[in-house]
Structures are given as C-alpha cells and as structure tokens.
PDB file of N, CA and C in Angstrom:
ATOM      1  N   MET A   1      41.001   9.719 -47.293  1.00  0.00           N
ATOM      2  CA  MET A   1      40.538   8.640 -48.150  1.00  0.00           C
ATOM      3  C   MET A   1      41.533   8.458 -49.290  1.00  0.00           C
ATOM      4  N   ASP A   2      41.718   7.234 -49.635  1.00  0.00           N
ATOM      5  CA  ASP A   2      42.633   6.884 -50.711  1.00  0.00           C
ATOM      6  C   ASP A   2      41.860   6.846 -52.029  1.00  0.00           C
ATOM      7  N   TRP A   3      42.312   7.604 -53.026  1.00  0.00           N
ATOM      8  CA  TRP A   3      41.636   7.642 -54.333  1.00  0.00           C
ATOM      9  C   TRP A   3      41.642   6.278 -55.002  1.00  0.00           C
ATOM     10  N   HIS A   4      42.669   5.498 -54.733  1.00  0.00           N
ATOM     11  CA  HIS A   4      42.750   4.159 -55.309  1.00  0.00           C
ATOM     12  C   HIS A   4      41.562   3.307 -54.867  1.00  0.00           C
ATOM     13  N   ASN A   5      41.221   3.367 -53.586  1.00  0.00           N
ATOM     14  CA  ASN A   5      40.073   2.611 -53.074  1.00  0.00           C
ATOM     15  C   ASN A   5      38.765   3.108 -53.675  1.00  0.00           C
ATOM     16  N   LEU A   6      38.634   4.421 -53.829  1.00  0.00           N
ATOM     17  CA  LEU A   6      37.417   4.984 -54.403  1.00  0.00           C
ATOM     18  C   LEU A   6      37.248   4.541 -55.859  1.00  0.00           C
ATOM     19  N   LEU A   7      38.316   4.567 -56.613  1.00  0.00           N
ATOM     20  CA  LEU A   7      38.237   4.128 -58.007  1.00  0.00           C
ATOM     21  C   LEU A   7      37.978   2.625 -58.112  1.00  0.00           C
ATOM     22  N   ALA A   8      38.535   1.848 -57.196  1.00  0.00           N
ATOM     23  CA  ALA A   8      38.278   0.412 -57.190  1.00  0.00           C
ATOM     24  C   ALA A   8      36.808   0.141 -56.881  1.00  0.00           C
ATOM     25  N   ALA A   9      36.243   0.863 -55.938  1.00  0.00           N
ATOM     26  CA  ALA A   9      34.826   0.699 -55.602  1.00  0.00           C
ATOM     27  C   ALA A   9      33.948   1.094 -56.783  1.00  0.00           C
ATOM     28  N   PHE A  10      34.315   2.147 -57.472  1.00  0.00           N
ATOM     29  CA  PHE A  10      33.544   2.578 -58.644  1.00  0.00           C
ATOM     30  C   PHE A  10      33.630   1.541 -59.762  1.00  0.00           C
ATOM     31  N   ALA A  11      34.793   0.950 -59.926  1.00  0.00           N
ATOM     32  CA  ALA A  11      34.959  -0.091 -60.939  1.00  0.00           C
ATOM     33  C   ALA A  11      34.075  -1.302 -60.622  1.00  0.00           C
ATOM     34  N   ILE A  12      34.028  -1.694 -59.366  1.00  0.00           N
ATOM     35  CA  ILE A  12      33.164  -2.816 -58.966  1.00  0.00           C
ATOM     36  C   ILE A  12      31.704  -2.459 -59.205  1.00  0.00           C
ATOM     37  N   PHE A  13      31.318  -1.221 -58.901  1.00  0.00           N
ATOM     38  CA  PHE A  13      29.951  -0.759 -59.158  1.00  0.00           C
ATOM     39  C   PHE A  13      29.611  -0.893 -60.640  1.00  0.00           C
ATOM     40  N   LEU A  14      30.509  -0.471 -61.518  1.00  0.00           N
ATOM     41  CA  LEU A  14      30.263  -0.562 -62.958  1.00  0.00           C
ATOM     42  C   LEU A  14      30.138  -2.016 -63.417  1.00  0.00           C
ATOM     43  N   ILE A  15      30.958  -2.887 -62.851  1.00  0.00           N
ATOM     44  CA  ILE A  15      30.876  -4.307 -63.198  1.00  0.00           C
ATOM     45  C   ILE A  15      29.516  -4.865 -62.790  1.00  0.00           C
ATOM     46  N   LEU A  16      29.082  -4.583 -61.582  1.00  0.00           N
ATOM     47  CA  LEU A  16      27.796  -5.096 -61.097  1.00  0.00           C
ATOM     48  C   LEU A  16      26.631  -4.517 -61.890  1.00  0.00           C
ATOM     49  N   GLU A  17      26.706  -3.245 -62.243  1.00  0.00           N
ATOM     50  CA  GLU A  17      25.642  -2.617 -63.019  1.00  0.00           C
ATOM     51  C   GLU A  17      25.542  -3.205 -64.422  1.00  0.00           C
ATOM     52  N   GLY A  18      26.643  -3.683 -64.947  1.00  0.00           N
ATOM     53  CA  GLY A  18      26.643  -4.220 -66.296  1.00  0.00           C
ATOM     54  C   GLY A  18      26.274  -5.693 -66.393  1.00  0.00           C
ATOM     55  N   LEU A  19      26.154  -6.370 -65.264  1.00  0.00           N
ATOM     56  CA  LEU A  19      25.882  -7.806 -65.294  1.00  0.00           C
ATOM     57  C   LEU A  19      24.545  -8.151 -65.938  1.00  0.00           C
ATOM     58  N   LEU A  20      23.460  -7.529 -65.506  1.00  0.00           N
ATOM     59  CA  LEU A  20      22.138  -7.892 -66.023  1.00  0.00           C
ATOM     60  C   LEU A  20      22.002  -7.593 -67.512  1.00  0.00           C
ATOM     61  N   PRO A  21      22.377  -6.395 -67.996  1.00  0.00           N
ATOM     62  CA  PRO A  21      22.265  -6.170 -69.440  1.00  0.00           C
ATOM     63  C   PRO A  21      23.142  -7.125 -70.260  1.00  0.00           C
ATOM     64  N   PHE A  22      24.288  -7.534 -69.719  1.00  0.00           N
ATOM     65  CA  PHE A  22      25.166  -8.444 -70.440  1.00  0.00           C
ATOM     66  C   PHE A  22      24.608  -9.861 -70.459  1.00  0.00           C
ATOM     67  N   LEU A  23      24.144 -10.326 -69.302  1.00  0.00           N
ATOM     68  CA  LEU A  23      23.687 -11.714 -69.202  1.00  0.00           C
ATOM     69  C   LEU A  23      22.322 -11.943 -69.833  1.00  0.00           C
ATOM     70  N   SER A  24      21.424 -10.954 -69.715  1.00  0.00           N
ATOM     71  CA  SER A  24      20.071 -11.142 -70.237  1.00  0.00           C
ATOM     72  C   SER A  24      19.483  -9.806 -70.698  1.00  0.00           C
ATOM     73  N   PRO A  25      19.792  -9.375 -71.911  1.00  0.00           N
ATOM     74  CA  PRO A  25      19.243  -8.110 -72.406  1.00  0.00           C
ATOM     75  C   PRO A  25      17.716  -8.033 -72.363  1.00  0.00           C
ATOM     76  N   PRO A  26      16.978  -9.113 -72.708  1.00  0.00           N
ATOM     77  CA  PRO A  26      15.510  -9.012 -72.625  1.00  0.00           C
ATOM     78  C   PRO A  26      15.006  -8.757 -71.200  1.00  0.00           C
ATOM     79  N   ALA A  27      15.621  -9.415 -70.218  1.00  0.00           N
ATOM     80  CA  ALA A  27      15.219  -9.193 -68.826  1.00  0.00           C
ATOM     81  C   ALA A  27      15.523  -7.761 -68.406  1.00  0.00           C
ATOM     82  N   PHE A  28      16.656  -7.225 -68.872  1.00  0.00           N
ATOM     83  CA  PHE A  28      17.015  -5.849 -68.547  1.00  0.00           C
ATOM     84  C   PHE A  28      16.012  -4.868 -69.154  1.00  0.00           C
ATOM     85  N   LYS A  29      15.612  -5.102 -70.394  1.00  0.00           N
ATOM     86  CA  LYS A  29      14.620  -4.232 -71.039  1.00  0.00           C
ATOM     87  C   LYS A  29      13.295  -4.282 -70.289  1.00  0.00           C
ATOM     88  N   ASN A  30      12.896  -5.487 -69.873  1.00  0.00           N
ATOM     89  CA  ASN A  30      11.664  -5.640 -69.111  1.00  0.00           C
ATOM     90  C   ASN A  30      11.749  -4.874 -67.791  1.00  0.00           C
ATOM     91  N   TYR A  31      12.892  -4.960 -67.121  1.00  0.00           N
ATOM     92  CA  TYR A  31      13.117  -4.248 -65.860  1.00  0.00           C
ATOM     93  C   TYR A  31      13.012  -2.736 -66.064  1.00  0.00           C
ATOM     94  N   VAL A  32      13.626  -2.238 -67.125  1.00  0.00           N
ATOM     95  CA  VAL A  32      13.587  -0.792 -67.398  1.00  0.00           C
ATOM     96  C   VAL A  32      12.155  -0.347 -67.695  1.00  0.00           C
ATOM     97  N   GLN A  33      11.392  -1.146 -68.440  1.00  0.00           N
ATOM     98  CA  GLN A  33      10.000  -0.800 -68.720  1.00  0.00           C
ATOM     99  C   GLN A  33       9.178  -0.743 -67.438  1.00  0.00           C
ATOM    100  N   LYS A  34       9.426  -1.666 -66.526  1.00  0.00           N
ATOM    101  CA  LYS A  34       8.708  -1.659 -65.246  1.00  0.00           C
ATOM    102  C   LYS A  34       9.091  -0.443 -64.419  1.00  0.00           C
ATOM    103  N   MET A  35      10.364  -0.052 -64.472  1.00  0.00           N
ATOM    104  CA  MET A  35      10.823   1.116 -63.716  1.00  0.00           C
ATOM    105  C   MET A  35      10.163   2.399 -64.231  1.00  0.00           C
ATOM    106  N   LEU A  36       9.873   2.459 -65.529  1.00  0.00           N
ATOM    107  CA  LEU A  36       9.224   3.643 -66.088  1.00  0.00           C
ATOM    108  C   LEU A  36       7.820   3.822 -65.539  1.00  0.00           C
ATOM    109  N   ALA A  37       7.194   2.732 -65.108  1.00  0.00           N
ATOM    110  CA  ALA A  37       5.837   2.797 -64.583  1.00  0.00           C
ATOM    111  C   ALA A  37       5.797   3.202 -63.104  1.00  0.00           C
ATOM    112  N   VAL A  38       6.943   3.180 -62.428  1.00  0.00           N
ATOM    113  CA  VAL A  38       7.007   3.519 -61.010  1.00  0.00           C
ATOM    114  C   VAL A  38       7.012   5.038 -60.862  1.00  0.00           C
ATOM    115  N   SER A  39       6.291   5.515 -59.865  1.00  0.00           N
ATOM    116  CA  SER A  39       6.223   6.973 -59.655  1.00  0.00           C
ATOM    117  C   SER A  39       7.576   7.533 -59.221  1.00  0.00           C
ATOM    118  N   ASP A  40       7.742   8.836 -59.423  1.00  0.00           N
ATOM    119  CA  ASP A  40       8.992   9.496 -59.048  1.00  0.00           C
ATOM    120  C   ASP A  40       9.253   9.393 -57.554  1.00  0.00           C
ATOM    121  N   SER A  41       8.214   9.560 -56.756  1.00  0.00           N
ATOM    122  CA  SER A  41       8.415   9.503 -55.307  1.00  0.00           C
ATOM    123  C   SER A  41       8.830   8.102 -54.863  1.00  0.00           C
ATOM    124  N   ALA A  42       8.254   7.070 -55.473  1.00  0.00           N
ATOM    125  CA  ALA A  42       8.645   5.695 -55.131  1.00  0.00           C
ATOM    126  C   ALA A  42      10.104   5.445 -55.523  1.00  0.00           C
ATOM    127  N   LEU A  43      10.502   5.933 -56.698  1.00  0.00           N
ATOM    128  CA  LEU A  43      11.904   5.793 -57.105  1.00  0.00           C
ATOM    129  C   LEU A  43      12.833   6.533 -56.152  1.00  0.00           C
ATOM    130  N   ARG A  44      12.389   7.700 -55.708  1.00  0.00           N
ATOM    131  CA  ARG A  44      13.197   8.484 -54.773  1.00  0.00           C
ATOM    132  C   ARG A  44      13.389   7.707 -53.465  1.00  0.00           C
ATOM    133  N   TYR A  45      12.320   7.087 -52.959  1.00  0.00           N
ATOM    134  CA  TYR A  45      12.425   6.312 -51.717  1.00  0.00           C
ATOM    135  C   TYR A  45      13.281   5.061 -51.904  1.00  0.00           C
ATOM    136  N   MET A  46      13.206   4.437 -53.074  1.00  0.00           N
ATOM    137  CA  MET A  46      14.069   3.280 -53.345  1.00  0.00           C
ATOM    138  C   MET A  46      15.537   3.716 -53.376  1.00  0.00           C
ATOM    139  N   GLY A  47      15.793   4.866 -53.972  1.00  0.00           N
ATOM    140  CA  GLY A  47      17.154   5.386 -53.996  1.00  0.00           C
ATOM    141  C   GLY A  47      17.660   5.713 -52.609  1.00  0.00           C
ATOM    142  N   LEU A  48      16.800   6.317 -51.799  1.00  0.00           N
ATOM    143  CA  LEU A  48      17.168   6.644 -50.418  1.00  0.00           C
ATOM    144  C   LEU A  48      17.457   5.363 -49.636  1.00  0.00           C
ATOM    145  N   GLY A  49      16.592   4.367 -49.792  1.00  0.00           N
ATOM    146  CA  GLY A  49      16.803   3.097 -49.099  1.00  0.00           C
ATOM    147  C   GLY A  49      18.108   2.434 -49.518  1.00  0.00           C
ATOM    148  N   SER A  50      18.417   2.512 -50.798  1.00  0.00           N
ATOM    149  CA  SER A  50      19.655   1.944 -51.306  1.00  0.00           C
ATOM    150  C   SER A  50      20.871   2.667 -50.731  1.00  0.00           C
ATOM    151  N   MET A  51      20.802   3.984 -50.667  1.00  0.00           N
ATOM    152  CA  MET A  51      21.917   4.746 -50.102  1.00  0.00           C
ATOM    153  C   MET A  51      22.106   4.441 -48.624  1.00  0.00           C
ATOM    154  N   ILE A  52      21.015   4.353 -47.874  1.00  0.00           N
ATOM    155  CA  ILE A  52      21.109   4.042 -46.449  1.00  0.00           C
ATOM    156  C   ILE A  52      21.691   2.648 -46.251  1.00  0.00           C
ATOM    157  N   ALA A  53      21.221   1.681 -47.041  1.00  0.00           N
ATOM    158  CA  ALA A  53      21.762   0.326 -46.944  1.00  0.00           C
ATOM    159  C   ALA A  53      23.255   0.321 -47.259  1.00  0.00           C
ATOM    160  N   GLY A  54      23.668   1.096 -48.254  1.00  0.00           N
ATOM    161  CA  GLY A  54      25.083   1.181 -48.596  1.00  0.00           C
ATOM    162  C   GLY A  54      25.921   1.781 -47.482  1.00  0.00           C
ATOM    163  N   VAL A  55      25.407   2.831 -46.849  1.00  0.00           N
ATOM    164  CA  VAL A  55      26.135   3.461 -45.753  1.00  0.00           C
ATOM    165  C   VAL A  55      26.255   2.496 -44.575  1.00  0.00           C
ATOM    166  N   VAL A  56      25.173   1.803 -44.250  1.00  0.00           N
ATOM    167  CA  VAL A  56      25.202   0.840 -43.152  1.00  0.00           C
ATOM    168  C   VAL A  56      26.182  -0.293 -43.454  1.00  0.00           C
ATOM    169  N   LEU A  57      26.124  -0.822 -44.664  1.00  0.00           N
ATOM    170  CA  LEU A  57      27.035  -1.899 -45.062  1.00  0.00           C
ATOM    171  C   LEU A  57      28.484  -1.422 -45.020  1.00  0.00           C
ATOM    172  N   LEU A  58      28.737  -0.232 -45.507  1.00  0.00           N
ATOM    173  CA  LEU A  58      30.099   0.316 -45.467  1.00  0.00           C
ATOM    174  C   LEU A  58      30.584   0.479 -44.037  1.00  0.00           C
ATOM    175  N   TYR A  59      29.697   0.945 -43.167  1.00  0.00           N
ATOM    176  CA  TYR A  59      30.054   1.094 -41.751  1.00  0.00           C
ATOM    177  C   TYR A  59      30.411  -0.252 -41.126  1.00  0.00           C
ATOM    178  N   ILE A  60      29.597  -1.273 -41.439  1.00  0.00           N
ATOM    179  CA  ILE A  60      29.845  -2.607 -40.877  1.00  0.00           C
ATOM    180  C   ILE A  60      31.175  -3.165 -41.401  1.00  0.00           C
ATOM    181  N   VAL A  61      31.422  -3.000 -42.695  1.00  0.00           N
ATOM    182  CA  VAL A  61      32.638  -3.547 -43.298  1.00  0.00           C
ATOM    183  C   VAL A  61      33.877  -2.824 -42.800  1.00  0.00           C
ATOM    184  N   ARG A  62      33.789  -1.527 -42.618  1.00  0.00           N
ATOM    185  CA  ARG A  62      34.970  -0.733 -42.242  1.00  0.00           C
ATOM    186  C   ARG A  62      35.269  -0.767 -40.751  1.00  0.00           C
ATOM    187  N   ASN A  63      34.339  -1.253 -39.921  1.00  0.00           N
ATOM    188  CA  ASN A  63      34.581  -1.280 -38.464  1.00  0.00           C
ATOM    189  C   ASN A  63      34.670  -2.669 -37.930  1.00  0.00           C
TER     190      ASN A  63
END
C-alpha cells in the first residue's frame, strides 16, 4: 500500500467530516444531541454497518 494514497484518503475523510459543522453548526449540534440518545449497541451496529459499506465500496472501486 502506498502511504500517499492512505494520507489522501484520510484528508478526504477529514474534509467530509468537517462539512456539516462548517455549513450548519446548529444542525450539527442537533445531530450530536440525537446521537447521545442512541444506545451504545445501536451505535456499535451503525459503526459496523458503516465499516462494511466502506469495505464493499472500496472493493468495488479497486476492482
């Protein structure tokens, strides 16, 4: 694996993560408050689903 590609992917991740707080801070605060009400197990399953979707998408893009 090329470290350059990994750092580029991480940079894109940071850009995407920063979009909502930059564009609409009130909406971001509302989102965070809603996330606090979600159970730990539900958050864990959302994280797992996100990781699986990422792996599948990466597989599709790379092949």
